[in-house]
C-alpha atoms as a PDB file:
ATOM      1  CA  MET A   1      56.766 174.327 -99.391  1.00  0.00           C
ATOM      2  CA  ARG A   2      60.149 173.323 -98.123  1.00  0.00           C
ATOM      3  CA  PHE A   3      61.129 176.939 -97.984  1.00  0.00           C
ATOM      4  CA  LEU A   4      58.777 177.159 -95.032  1.00  0.00           C
ATOM      5  CA  ASP A   5      61.223 174.963 -93.125  1.00  0.00           C
ATOM      6  CA  ARG A   6      63.842 177.448 -93.140  1.00  0.00           C
ATOM      7  CA  LEU A   7      61.423 179.865 -91.104  1.00  0.00           C
ATOM      8  CA  GLN A   8      61.072 177.449 -88.335  1.00  0.00           C
ATOM      9  CA  PRO A   9      63.524 179.395 -86.249  1.00  0.00           C
ATOM     10  CA  LEU A  10      61.494 182.455 -86.574  1.00  0.00           C
ATOM     11  CA  ALA A  11      58.366 180.496 -85.661  1.00  0.00           C
ATOM     12  CA  LEU A  12      59.898 179.254 -82.290  1.00  0.00           C
ATOM     13  CA  LEU A  13      61.391 182.746 -81.764  1.00  0.00           C
ATOM     14  CA  ALA A  14      57.636 184.088 -82.135  1.00  0.00           C
ATOM     15  CA  LEU A  15      56.226 181.406 -79.793  1.00  0.00           C
ATOM     16  CA  ARG A  16      58.784 182.233 -77.126  1.00  0.00           C
ATOM     17  CA  VAL A  17      58.299 186.044 -77.473  1.00  0.00           C
ATOM     18  CA  ILE A  18      54.636 185.753 -77.272  1.00  0.00           C
ATOM     19  CA  LEU A  19      54.613 183.333 -74.480  1.00  0.00           C
ATOM     20  CA  GLY A  20      57.263 185.305 -72.510  1.00  0.00           C
ATOM     21  CA  THR A  21      55.516 188.629 -72.993  1.00  0.00           C
ATOM     22  CA  VAL A  22      52.161 187.415 -71.736  1.00  0.00           C
ATOM     23  CA  MET A  23      53.717 185.629 -68.750  1.00  0.00           C
ATOM     24  CA  ILE A  24      55.692 188.760 -67.795  1.00  0.00           C
ATOM     25  CA  GLY A  25      52.508 190.809 -68.032  1.00  0.00           C
ATOM     26  CA  HIS A  26      50.629 188.467 -65.778  1.00  0.00           C
ATOM     27  CA  GLY A  27      53.651 187.896 -63.334  1.00  0.00           C
ATOM     28  CA  TYR A  28      54.498 191.664 -62.986  1.00  0.00           C
ATOM     29  CA  GLY A  29      51.692 192.687 -60.717  1.00  0.00           C
ATOM     30  CA  LYS A  30      52.238 189.496 -58.490  1.00  0.00           C
ATOM     31  CA  VAL A  31      55.978 190.189 -57.944  1.00  0.00           C
ATOM     32  CA  PHE A  32      56.041 193.961 -57.692  1.00  0.00           C
ATOM     33  CA  HIS A  33      53.819 196.712 -56.121  1.00  0.00           C
ATOM     34  CA  GLY A  34      52.577 194.480 -53.116  1.00  0.00           C
ATOM     35  CA  GLY A  35      50.834 192.029 -55.392  1.00  0.00           C
ATOM     36  CA  LEU A  36      52.756 189.008 -53.850  1.00  0.00           C
ATOM     37  CA  ALA A  37      51.041 189.211 -50.600  1.00  0.00           C
ATOM     38  CA  HIS A  38      47.591 189.256 -52.379  1.00  0.00           C
ATOM     39  CA  HIS A  39      48.775 186.208 -54.565  1.00  0.00           C
ATOM     40  CA  VAL A  40      49.544 184.112 -51.514  1.00  0.00           C
ATOM     41  CA  GLN A  41      46.198 184.798 -50.123  1.00  0.00           C
ATOM     42  CA  LEU A  42      44.668 183.748 -53.429  1.00  0.00           C
ATOM     43  CA  VAL A  43      46.616 180.804 -53.653  1.00  0.00           C
ATOM     44  CA  THR A  44      46.014 179.634 -49.994  1.00  0.00           C
ATOM     45  CA  SER A  45      42.253 180.258 -50.510  1.00  0.00           C
ATOM     46  CA  LEU A  46      42.204 177.627 -53.289  1.00  0.00           C
ATOM     47  CA  GLY A  47      43.541 175.097 -50.821  1.00  0.00           C
ATOM     48  CA  LEU A  48      47.087 175.194 -51.936  1.00  0.00           C
ATOM     49  CA  PRO A  49      50.347 175.776 -50.088  1.00  0.00           C
ATOM     50  CA  GLY A  50      51.214 179.555 -49.878  1.00  0.00           C
ATOM     51  CA  TRP A  51      54.690 178.876 -51.216  1.00  0.00           C
ATOM     52  CA  TRP A  52      53.153 177.920 -54.382  1.00  0.00           C
ATOM     53  CA  ALA A  53      52.246 181.518 -55.035  1.00  0.00           C
ATOM     54  CA  TYR A  54      55.919 182.360 -54.970  1.00  0.00           C
ATOM     55  CA  LEU A  55      56.770 179.616 -57.509  1.00  0.00           C
ATOM     56  CA  SER A  56      53.702 180.798 -59.709  1.00  0.00           C
ATOM     57  CA  ALA A  57      54.636 184.538 -59.548  1.00  0.00           C
ATOM     58  CA  PHE A  58      58.405 183.929 -60.253  1.00  0.00           C
ATOM     59  CA  THR A  59      57.664 181.563 -62.970  1.00  0.00           C
ATOM     60  CA  GLU A  60      55.479 183.892 -64.593  1.00  0.00           C
ATOM     61  CA  PHE A  61      57.620 187.049 -64.507  1.00  0.00           C
ATOM     62  CA  PHE A  62      61.270 185.707 -64.421  1.00  0.00           C
ATOM     63  CA  GLY A  63      60.409 182.809 -66.500  1.00  0.00           C
ATOM     64  CA  GLY A  64      58.924 185.147 -69.121  1.00  0.00           C
ATOM     65  CA  ILE A  65      62.221 186.842 -69.369  1.00  0.00           C
ATOM     66  CA  LEU A  66      64.073 183.601 -69.678  1.00  0.00           C
ATOM     67  CA  LEU A  67      61.659 182.442 -72.319  1.00  0.00           C
ATOM     68  CA  ILE A  68      62.164 185.682 -74.440  1.00  0.00           C
ATOM     69  CA  ALA A  69      65.917 185.246 -74.196  1.00  0.00           C
ATOM     70  CA  GLY A  70      65.593 181.400 -75.068  1.00  0.00           C
ATOM     71  CA  PHE A  71      67.487 180.531 -71.704  1.00  0.00           C
ATOM     72  CA  PHE A  72      66.605 177.194 -69.934  1.00  0.00           C
ATOM     73  CA  THR A  73      63.519 177.179 -72.368  1.00  0.00           C
ATOM     74  CA  ARG A  74      62.343 173.487 -71.948  1.00  0.00           C
ATOM     75  CA  PHE A  75      62.678 173.903 -67.989  1.00  0.00           C
ATOM     76  CA  VAL A  76      60.750 177.181 -68.096  1.00  0.00           C
ATOM     77  CA  SER A  77      58.247 175.827 -70.305  1.00  0.00           C
ATOM     78  CA  LEU A  78      57.549 172.847 -68.185  1.00  0.00           C
ATOM     79  CA  ALA A  79      57.014 175.203 -65.136  1.00  0.00           C
ATOM     80  CA  THR A  80      54.706 177.358 -67.315  1.00  0.00           C
ATOM     81  CA  LEU A  81      52.817 174.414 -68.412  1.00  0.00           C
ATOM     82  CA  ILE A  82      52.302 173.397 -64.825  1.00  0.00           C
ATOM     83  CA  ASP A  83      51.438 176.931 -63.769  1.00  0.00           C
ATOM     84  CA  MET A  84      48.760 176.993 -66.479  1.00  0.00           C
ATOM     85  CA  ALA A  85      47.326 173.760 -65.811  1.00  0.00           C
ATOM     86  CA  VAL A  86      46.823 174.683 -62.112  1.00  0.00           C
ATOM     87  CA  ALA A  87      45.247 177.949 -63.051  1.00  0.00           C
ATOM     88  CA  ILE A  88      42.878 176.162 -65.359  1.00  0.00           C
ATOM     89  CA  TRP A  89      42.145 173.664 -62.786  1.00  0.00           C
ATOM     90  CA  LYS A  90      41.630 175.916 -59.780  1.00  0.00           C
ATOM     91  CA  ILE A  91      40.431 179.219 -61.288  1.00  0.00           C
ATOM     92  CA  HIS A  92      39.231 179.059 -64.915  1.00  0.00           C
ATOM     93  CA  TRP A  93      37.487 175.622 -65.361  1.00  0.00           C
ATOM     94  CA  LYS A  94      34.228 176.677 -63.774  1.00  0.00           C
ATOM     95  CA  ASN A  95      33.831 179.429 -66.282  1.00  0.00           C
ATOM     96  CA  GLY A  96      33.951 177.287 -69.185  1.00  0.00           C
ATOM     97  CA  MET A  97      36.192 177.639 -72.233  1.00  0.00           C
ATOM     98  CA  PHE A  98      34.958 180.976 -73.626  1.00  0.00           C
ATOM     99  CA  GLY A  99      33.082 182.407 -70.571  1.00  0.00           C
ATOM    100  CA  ARG A 100      34.145 185.498 -68.780  1.00  0.00           C
ATOM    101  CA  GLY A 101      37.345 184.332 -66.978  1.00  0.00           C
ATOM    102  CA  GLY A 102      37.345 181.141 -68.946  1.00  0.00           C
ATOM    103  CA  TYR A 103      40.299 178.884 -69.776  1.00  0.00           C
ATOM    104  CA  GLU A 104      40.670 179.933 -73.357  1.00  0.00           C
ATOM    105  CA  LEU A 105      43.909 181.943 -72.722  1.00  0.00           C
ATOM    106  CA  PRO A 106      45.579 179.828 -70.163  1.00  0.00           C
ATOM    107  CA  LEU A 107      44.955 176.692 -72.422  1.00  0.00           C
ATOM    108  CA  THR A 108      46.497 178.526 -75.310  1.00  0.00           C
ATOM    109  CA  LEU A 109      49.539 179.489 -73.255  1.00  0.00           C
ATOM    110  CA  ALA A 110      49.813 175.836 -71.721  1.00  0.00           C
ATOM    111  CA  THR A 111      49.785 174.596 -75.419  1.00  0.00           C
ATOM    112  CA  ILE A 112      52.507 176.858 -76.455  1.00  0.00           C
ATOM    113  CA  ALA A 113      54.605 175.825 -73.322  1.00  0.00           C
ATOM    114  CA  PHE A 114      53.936 172.180 -74.307  1.00  0.00           C
ATOM    115  CA  ALA A 115      55.409 172.636 -77.843  1.00  0.00           C
ATOM    116  CA  LEU A 116      58.402 174.301 -76.524  1.00  0.00           C
ATOM    117  CA  ILE A 117      59.176 171.494 -74.134  1.00  0.00           C
ATOM    118  CA  PHE A 118      59.391 169.193 -77.083  1.00  0.00           C
ATOM    119  CA  LEU A 119      60.738 171.644 -79.901  1.00  0.00           C
ATOM    120  CA  GLY A 120      63.257 173.659 -77.687  1.00  0.00           C
ATOM    121  CA  ALA A 121      64.167 177.161 -78.178  1.00  0.00           C
ATOM    122  CA  GLY A 122      65.438 176.997 -81.653  1.00  0.00           C
ATOM    123  CA  PRO A 123      68.752 178.508 -83.061  1.00  0.00           C
ATOM    124  CA  ILE A 124      67.833 182.131 -82.098  1.00  0.00           C
ATOM    125  CA  ALA A 125      68.316 181.594 -78.410  1.00  0.00           C
ATOM    126  CA  VAL A 126      70.727 181.677 -75.598  1.00  0.00           C
ATOM    127  CA  ASP A 127      70.191 177.828 -75.186  1.00  0.00           C
ATOM    128  CA  ALA A 128      71.589 177.330 -78.853  1.00  0.00           C
ATOM    129  CA  ILE A 129      74.755 179.470 -78.168  1.00  0.00           C
ATOM    130  CA  ARG A 130      75.398 177.704 -74.879  1.00  0.00           C
ATOM    131  CA  SER A 131      74.942 174.336 -76.369  1.00  0.00           C
ATOM    132  CA  SER A 132      77.300 174.811 -79.342  1.00  0.00           C
ATOM    133  CA  GLY A 133      80.182 176.256 -77.278  1.00  0.00           C
ATOM    134  CA  GLY A 134      79.684 179.795 -78.255  1.00  0.00           C
ATOM    135  CA  GLY A 135      79.642 179.488 -82.074  1.00  0.00           C
ATOM    136  CA  GLY A 136      76.925 178.994 -84.419  1.00  0.00           C
ATOM    137  CA  ALA A 137      74.595 176.056 -84.592  1.00  0.00           C
ATOM    138  CA  ARG A 138      76.437 172.552 -84.263  1.00  0.00           C
ATOM    139  CA  PRO A 139      76.394 170.432 -87.659  1.00  0.00           C
ATOM    140  CA  LYS A 140      74.071 167.382 -87.449  1.00  0.00           C
ATOM    141  CA  LYS A 141      75.744 164.061 -87.018  1.00  0.00           C
ATOM    142  CA  ILE A 142      74.978 161.729 -89.775  1.00  0.00           C
END
């Protein structure tokens, strides 16, 4: 089963692309088409500062783009984890895990973000290119 280890870069890419795509989908309406004003109202109605709505919307939309590219992956994953934790706490918890509007999806997204914080973007990412000085992956030091 060691051959599966060689597929880990593809697994990390898949996690980033899926998380990024879902986050872009959720953030798009908040950032564009007048959704930001509505999102600010929602966030303040939850007892949170209005400026958190901007952080949330931009984390979801622009952070999703960065995740797909694998750029600042650990930082964006941390921001996504916090965003999903607040969404579970303030919006979805009361609906249960599997109820309508439940926390099943935000928990799944938070778990993917949590994994990416510790695993990083992998070698198929802008982060890998930046850290190696423009070439391929850096050889491991022994």
